Amino acid sequence: MKQFKGFLQGTAVFLGSLALLFGAAFALNLERSWVYQLINAPLMLELSVLSALIVLLLWTGRQRSS
């Protein structure tokens, strides 16, 4: 059950960071179409994976220290 809860938390962090990055890209490129922004989605996906990994590393480091 603990592993499933961790998986859900990781998925939530990943989707949240992806939504945040997509929202930021949309806000910065309002003059461009949403199709153009979806073409740039692989870059945002990479950034969201990296941010999720950073959060995971910080989370596990905090868990080990306490």
PDB file of N, CA and C in Angstrom:
ATOM      1  N   MET A   1       0.821  -1.196   0.000  1.00  0.00           N
ATOM      2  CA  MET A   1       0.000   0.000   0.000  1.00  0.00           C
ATOM      3  C   MET A   1       0.867   1.263   0.000  1.00  0.00           C
ATOM      4  N   LYS A   2       2.015   1.189   0.716  1.00  0.00           N
ATOM      5  CA  LYS A   2       2.899   2.347   0.762  1.00  0.00           C
ATOM      6  C   LYS A   2       3.461   2.667  -0.618  1.00  0.00           C
ATOM      7  N   GLN A   3       3.815   1.618  -1.376  1.00  0.00           N
ATOM      8  CA  GLN A   3       4.370   1.838  -2.707  1.00  0.00           C
ATOM      9  C   GLN A   3       3.328   2.445  -3.637  1.00  0.00           C
ATOM     10  N   PHE A   4       2.085   2.008  -3.501  1.00  0.00           N
ATOM     11  CA  PHE A   4       1.020   2.551  -4.341  1.00  0.00           C
ATOM     12  C   PHE A   4       0.783   4.020  -4.017  1.00  0.00           C
ATOM     13  N   LYS A   5       0.819   4.358  -2.729  1.00  0.00           N
ATOM     14  CA  LYS A   5       0.645   5.753  -2.323  1.00  0.00           C
ATOM     15  C   LYS A   5       1.788   6.605  -2.862  1.00  0.00           C
ATOM     16  N   GLY A   6       3.015   6.080  -2.801  1.00  0.00           N
ATOM     17  CA  GLY A   6       4.154   6.799  -3.364  1.00  0.00           C
ATOM     18  C   GLY A   6       4.037   6.972  -4.868  1.00  0.00           C
ATOM     19  N   PHE A   7       3.527   5.944  -5.537  1.00  0.00           N
ATOM     20  CA  PHE A   7       3.317   6.033  -6.982  1.00  0.00           C
ATOM     21  C   PHE A   7       2.288   7.114  -7.306  1.00  0.00           C
ATOM     22  N   LEU A   8       1.208   7.167  -6.529  1.00  0.00           N
ATOM     23  CA  LEU A   8       0.190   8.195  -6.757  1.00  0.00           C
ATOM     24  C   LEU A   8       0.746   9.591  -6.509  1.00  0.00           C
ATOM     25  N   GLN A   9       1.551   9.740  -5.464  1.00  0.00           N
ATOM     26  CA  GLN A   9       2.153  11.045  -5.193  1.00  0.00           C
ATOM     27  C   GLN A   9       3.106  11.446  -6.315  1.00  0.00           C
ATOM     28  N   GLY A  10       3.896  10.506  -6.793  1.00  0.00           N
ATOM     29  CA  GLY A  10       4.806  10.803  -7.895  1.00  0.00           C
ATOM     30  C   GLY A  10       4.067  11.175  -9.163  1.00  0.00           C
ATOM     31  N   THR A  11       2.979  10.469  -9.437  1.00  0.00           N
ATOM     32  CA  THR A  11       2.168  10.782 -10.610  1.00  0.00           C
ATOM     33  C   THR A  11       1.544  12.165 -10.485  1.00  0.00           C
ATOM     34  N   ALA A  12       1.071  12.497  -9.288  1.00  0.00           N
ATOM     35  CA  ALA A  12       0.478  13.818  -9.064  1.00  0.00           C
ATOM     36  C   ALA A  12       1.515  14.923  -9.245  1.00  0.00           C
ATOM     37  N   VAL A  13       2.722  14.702  -8.754  1.00  0.00           N
ATOM     38  CA  VAL A  13       3.792  15.694  -8.922  1.00  0.00           C
ATOM     39  C   VAL A  13       4.132  15.857 -10.396  1.00  0.00           C
ATOM     40  N   PHE A  14       4.227  14.746 -11.107  1.00  0.00           N
ATOM     41  CA  PHE A  14       4.549  14.795 -12.532  1.00  0.00           C
ATOM     42  C   PHE A  14       3.477  15.551 -13.311  1.00  0.00           C
ATOM     43  N   LEU A  15       2.218  15.206 -13.093  1.00  0.00           N
ATOM     44  CA  LEU A  15       1.142  15.866 -13.827  1.00  0.00           C
ATOM     45  C   LEU A  15       1.019  17.331 -13.433  1.00  0.00           C
ATOM     46  N   GLY A  16       1.230  17.616 -12.157  1.00  0.00           N
ATOM     47  CA  GLY A  16       1.173  19.006 -11.705  1.00  0.00           C
ATOM     48  C   GLY A  16       2.266  19.852 -12.330  1.00  0.00           C
ATOM     49  N   SER A  17       3.478  19.315 -12.377  1.00  0.00           N
ATOM     50  CA  SER A  17       4.573  20.077 -12.980  1.00  0.00           C
ATOM     51  C   SER A  17       4.371  20.227 -14.482  1.00  0.00           C
ATOM     52  N   LEU A  18       3.829  19.209 -15.122  1.00  0.00           N
ATOM     53  CA  LEU A  18       3.540  19.314 -16.551  1.00  0.00           C
ATOM     54  C   LEU A  18       2.488  20.386 -16.813  1.00  0.00           C
ATOM     55  N   ALA A  19       1.439  20.408 -15.995  1.00  0.00           N
ATOM     56  CA  ALA A  19       0.393  21.421 -16.157  1.00  0.00           C
ATOM     57  C   ALA A  19       0.943  22.820 -15.892  1.00  0.00           C
ATOM     58  N   LEU A  20       1.791  22.946 -14.887  1.00  0.00           N
ATOM     59  CA  LEU A  20       2.388  24.242 -14.571  1.00  0.00           C
ATOM     60  C   LEU A  20       3.272  24.731 -15.714  1.00  0.00           C
ATOM     61  N   LEU A  21       4.090  23.848 -16.257  1.00  0.00           N
ATOM     62  CA  LEU A  21       4.951  24.243 -17.367  1.00  0.00           C
ATOM     63  C   LEU A  21       4.152  24.556 -18.629  1.00  0.00           C
ATOM     64  N   PHE A  22       3.094  23.789 -18.879  1.00  0.00           N
ATOM     65  CA  PHE A  22       2.260  24.076 -20.045  1.00  0.00           C
ATOM     66  C   PHE A  22       1.558  25.421 -19.879  1.00  0.00           C
ATOM     67  N   GLY A  23       1.081  25.685 -18.660  1.00  0.00           N
ATOM     68  CA  GLY A  23       0.442  26.974 -18.390  1.00  0.00           C
ATOM     69  C   GLY A  23       1.403  28.137 -18.537  1.00  0.00           C
ATOM     70  N   ALA A  24       2.631  27.964 -18.055  1.00  0.00           N
ATOM     71  CA  ALA A  24       3.633  29.027 -18.192  1.00  0.00           C
ATOM     72  C   ALA A  24       3.981  29.256 -19.659  1.00  0.00           C
ATOM     73  N   ALA A  25       4.142  28.182 -20.414  1.00  0.00           N
ATOM     74  CA  ALA A  25       4.446  28.327 -21.841  1.00  0.00           C
ATOM     75  C   ALA A  25       3.288  28.993 -22.576  1.00  0.00           C
ATOM     76  N   PHE A  26       2.076  28.656 -22.190  1.00  0.00           N
ATOM     77  CA  PHE A  26       0.910  29.274 -22.823  1.00  0.00           C
ATOM     78  C   PHE A  26       0.853  30.763 -22.502  1.00  0.00           C
ATOM     79  N   ALA A  27       1.135  31.112 -21.238  1.00  0.00           N
ATOM     80  CA  ALA A  27       1.095  32.518 -20.841  1.00  0.00           C
ATOM     81  C   ALA A  27       2.193  33.325 -21.533  1.00  0.00           C
ATOM     82  N   LEU A  28       3.343  32.709 -21.744  1.00  0.00           N
ATOM     83  CA  LEU A  28       4.440  33.426 -22.389  1.00  0.00           C
ATOM     84  C   LEU A  28       4.272  33.523 -23.901  1.00  0.00           C
ATOM     85  N   ASN A  29       3.485  32.634 -24.492  1.00  0.00           N
ATOM     86  CA  ASN A  29       3.315  32.610 -25.950  1.00  0.00           C
ATOM     87  C   ASN A  29       1.851  32.776 -26.336  1.00  0.00           C
ATOM     88  N   LEU A  30       1.209  33.777 -25.779  1.00  0.00           N
ATOM     89  CA  LEU A  30      -0.212  33.953 -26.065  1.00  0.00           C
ATOM     90  C   LEU A  30      -0.480  34.275 -27.531  1.00  0.00           C
ATOM     91  N   GLU A  31       0.492  34.881 -28.210  1.00  0.00           N
ATOM     92  CA  GLU A  31       0.266  35.237 -29.607  1.00  0.00           C
ATOM     93  C   GLU A  31       0.392  34.033 -30.537  1.00  0.00           C
ATOM     94  N   ARG A  32       0.936  32.937 -30.022  1.00  0.00           N
ATOM     95  CA  ARG A  32       1.098  31.733 -30.847  1.00  0.00           C
ATOM     96  C   ARG A  32      -0.069  30.780 -30.605  1.00  0.00           C
ATOM     97  N   SER A  33      -0.296  29.931 -31.556  1.00  0.00           N
ATOM     98  CA  SER A  33      -1.438  29.014 -31.456  1.00  0.00           C
ATOM     99  C   SER A  33      -1.134  27.864 -30.507  1.00  0.00           C
ATOM    100  N   TRP A  34      -2.177  27.180 -30.072  1.00  0.00           N
ATOM    101  CA  TRP A  34      -1.997  26.050 -29.158  1.00  0.00           C
ATOM    102  C   TRP A  34      -1.359  24.871 -29.879  1.00  0.00           C
ATOM    103  N   VAL A  35      -1.492  24.820 -31.218  1.00  0.00           N
ATOM    104  CA  VAL A  35      -0.843  23.754 -31.987  1.00  0.00           C
ATOM    105  C   VAL A  35       0.677  23.918 -31.905  1.00  0.00           C
ATOM    106  N   TYR A  36       1.148  25.142 -32.026  1.00  0.00           N
ATOM    107  CA  TYR A  36       2.580  25.409 -31.907  1.00  0.00           C
ATOM    108  C   TYR A  36       3.084  24.993 -30.527  1.00  0.00           C
ATOM    109  N   GLN A  37       2.299  25.262 -29.510  1.00  0.00           N
ATOM    110  CA  GLN A  37       2.718  24.911 -28.156  1.00  0.00           C
ATOM    111  C   GLN A  37       2.715  23.405 -27.946  1.00  0.00           C
ATOM    112  N   LEU A  38       1.794  22.698 -28.584  1.00  0.00           N
ATOM    113  CA  LEU A  38       1.798  21.239 -28.472  1.00  0.00           C
ATOM    114  C   LEU A  38       2.984  20.622 -29.197  1.00  0.00           C
ATOM    115  N   ILE A  39       3.454  21.293 -30.250  1.00  0.00           N
ATOM    116  CA  ILE A  39       4.651  20.809 -30.932  1.00  0.00           C
ATOM    117  C   ILE A  39       5.855  20.918 -30.004  1.00  0.00           C
ATOM    118  N   ASN A  40       5.865  21.934 -29.155  1.00  0.00           N
ATOM    119  CA  ASN A  40       6.954  22.121 -28.201  1.00  0.00           C
ATOM    120  C   ASN A  40       6.749  21.307 -26.927  1.00  0.00           C
ATOM    121  N   ALA A  41       5.749  20.458 -26.899  1.00  0.00           N
ATOM    122  CA  ALA A  41       5.450  19.661 -25.703  1.00  0.00           C
ATOM    123  C   ALA A  41       6.586  18.727 -25.286  1.00  0.00           C
ATOM    124  N   PRO A  42       7.370  18.133 -26.192  1.00  0.00           N
ATOM    125  CA  PRO A  42       8.472  17.275 -25.716  1.00  0.00           C
ATOM    126  C   PRO A  42       9.458  18.006 -24.808  1.00  0.00           C
ATOM    127  N   LEU A  43       9.733  19.265 -25.112  1.00  0.00           N
ATOM    128  CA  LEU A  43      10.618  20.035 -24.237  1.00  0.00           C
ATOM    129  C   LEU A  43       9.975  20.229 -22.869  1.00  0.00           C
ATOM    130  N   MET A  44       8.692  20.552 -22.861  1.00  0.00           N
ATOM    131  CA  MET A  44       8.003  20.727 -21.582  1.00  0.00           C
ATOM    132  C   MET A  44       7.923  19.403 -20.835  1.00  0.00           C
ATOM    133  N   LEU A  45       7.757  18.317 -21.555  1.00  0.00           N
ATOM    134  CA  LEU A  45       7.727  17.005 -20.917  1.00  0.00           C
ATOM    135  C   LEU A  45       9.073  16.700 -20.270  1.00  0.00           C
ATOM    136  N   GLU A  46      10.146  17.016 -20.963  1.00  0.00           N
ATOM    137  CA  GLU A  46      11.475  16.794 -20.397  1.00  0.00           C
ATOM    138  C   GLU A  46      11.675  17.639 -19.147  1.00  0.00           C
ATOM    139  N   LEU A  47      11.258  18.889 -19.203  1.00  0.00           N
ATOM    140  CA  LEU A  47      11.400  19.758 -18.035  1.00  0.00           C
ATOM    141  C   LEU A  47      10.547  19.274 -16.874  1.00  0.00           C
ATOM    142  N   SER A  48       9.360  18.762 -17.161  1.00  0.00           N
ATOM    143  CA  SER A  48       8.512  18.275 -16.075  1.00  0.00           C
ATOM    144  C   SER A  48       9.083  17.003 -15.463  1.00  0.00           C
ATOM    145  N   VAL A  49       9.686  16.153 -16.282  1.00  0.00           N
ATOM    146  CA  VAL A  49      10.336  14.951 -15.741  1.00  0.00           C
ATOM    147  C   VAL A  49      11.500  15.350 -14.847  1.00  0.00           C
ATOM    148  N   LEU A  50      12.293  16.310 -15.291  1.00  0.00           N
ATOM    149  CA  LEU A  50      13.415  16.764 -14.475  1.00  0.00           C
ATOM    150  C   LEU A  50      12.939  17.389 -13.173  1.00  0.00           C
ATOM    151  N   SER A  51      11.879  18.197 -13.229  1.00  0.00           N
ATOM    152  CA  SER A  51      11.384  18.802 -11.994  1.00  0.00           C
ATOM    153  C   SER A  51      10.788  17.745 -11.076  1.00  0.00           C
ATOM    154  N   ALA A  52      10.132  16.735 -11.636  1.00  0.00           N
ATOM    155  CA  ALA A  52       9.604  15.653 -10.799  1.00  0.00           C
ATOM    156  C   ALA A  52      10.737  14.866 -10.153  1.00  0.00           C
ATOM    157  N   LEU A  53      11.827  14.656 -10.872  1.00  0.00           N
ATOM    158  CA  LEU A  53      12.974  13.960 -10.289  1.00  0.00           C
ATOM    159  C   LEU A  53      13.619  14.777  -9.177  1.00  0.00           C
ATOM    160  N   ILE A  54      13.690  16.083  -9.357  1.00  0.00           N
ATOM    161  CA  ILE A  54      14.240  16.939  -8.306  1.00  0.00           C
ATOM    162  C   ILE A  54      13.367  16.872  -7.067  1.00  0.00           C
ATOM    163  N   VAL A  55      12.053  16.937  -7.251  1.00  0.00           N
ATOM    164  CA  VAL A  55      11.139  16.832  -6.110  1.00  0.00           C
ATOM    165  C   VAL A  55      11.286  15.476  -5.443  1.00  0.00           C
ATOM    166  N   LEU A  56      11.423  14.429  -6.229  1.00  0.00           N
ATOM    167  CA  LEU A  56      11.598  13.089  -5.671  1.00  0.00           C
ATOM    168  C   LEU A  56      12.879  12.991  -4.853  1.00  0.00           C
ATOM    169  N   LEU A  57      13.963  13.541  -5.374  1.00  0.00           N
ATOM    170  CA  LEU A  57      15.224  13.520  -4.635  1.00  0.00           C
ATOM    171  C   LEU A  57      15.120  14.309  -3.334  1.00  0.00           C
ATOM    172  N   LEU A  58      14.485  15.466  -3.386  1.00  0.00           N
ATOM    173  CA  LEU A  58      14.310  16.254  -2.167  1.00  0.00           C
ATOM    174  C   LEU A  58      13.419  15.528  -1.171  1.00  0.00           C
ATOM    175  N   TRP A  59      12.360  14.888  -1.668  1.00  0.00           N
ATOM    176  CA  TRP A  59      11.431  14.170  -0.794  1.00  0.00           C
ATOM    177  C   TRP A  59      12.114  12.990  -0.115  1.00  0.00           C
ATOM    178  N   THR A  60      12.859  12.204  -0.877  1.00  0.00           N
ATOM    179  CA  THR A  60      13.520  11.042  -0.278  1.00  0.00           C
ATOM    180  C   THR A  60      14.641  11.473   0.660  1.00  0.00           C
ATOM    181  N   GLY A  61      15.320  12.563   0.340  1.00  0.00           N
ATOM    182  CA  GLY A  61      16.342  13.075   1.242  1.00  0.00           C
ATOM    183  C   GLY A  61      15.755  13.539   2.555  1.00  0.00           C
ATOM    184  N   ARG A  62      14.588  14.142   2.487  1.00  0.00           N
ATOM    185  CA  ARG A  62      13.916  14.591   3.709  1.00  0.00           C
ATOM    186  C   ARG A  62      13.433  13.402   4.519  1.00  0.00           C
ATOM    187  N   GLN A  63      12.950  12.368   3.838  1.00  0.00           N
ATOM    188  CA  GLN A  63      12.463  11.175   4.533  1.00  0.00           C
ATOM    189  C   GLN A  63      13.603  10.463   5.249  1.00  0.00           C
ATOM    190  N   ARG A  64      14.762  10.410   4.633  1.00  0.00           N
ATOM    191  CA  ARG A  64      15.902   9.709   5.238  1.00  0.00           C
ATOM    192  C   ARG A  64      16.478  10.478   6.415  1.00  0.00           C
ATOM    193  N   SER A  65      16.414  11.804   6.355  1.00  0.00           N
ATOM    194  CA  SER A  65      17.003  12.596   7.433  1.00  0.00           C
ATOM    195  C   SER A  65      16.120  12.627   8.673  1.00  0.00           C
ATOM    196  N   SER A  66      14.838  12.352   8.523  1.00  0.00           N
ATOM    197  CA  SER A  66      13.948  12.395   9.696  1.00  0.00           C
ATOM    198  C   SER A  66      13.746  11.038  10.317  1.00  0.00           C
TER     199      SER A  66
END
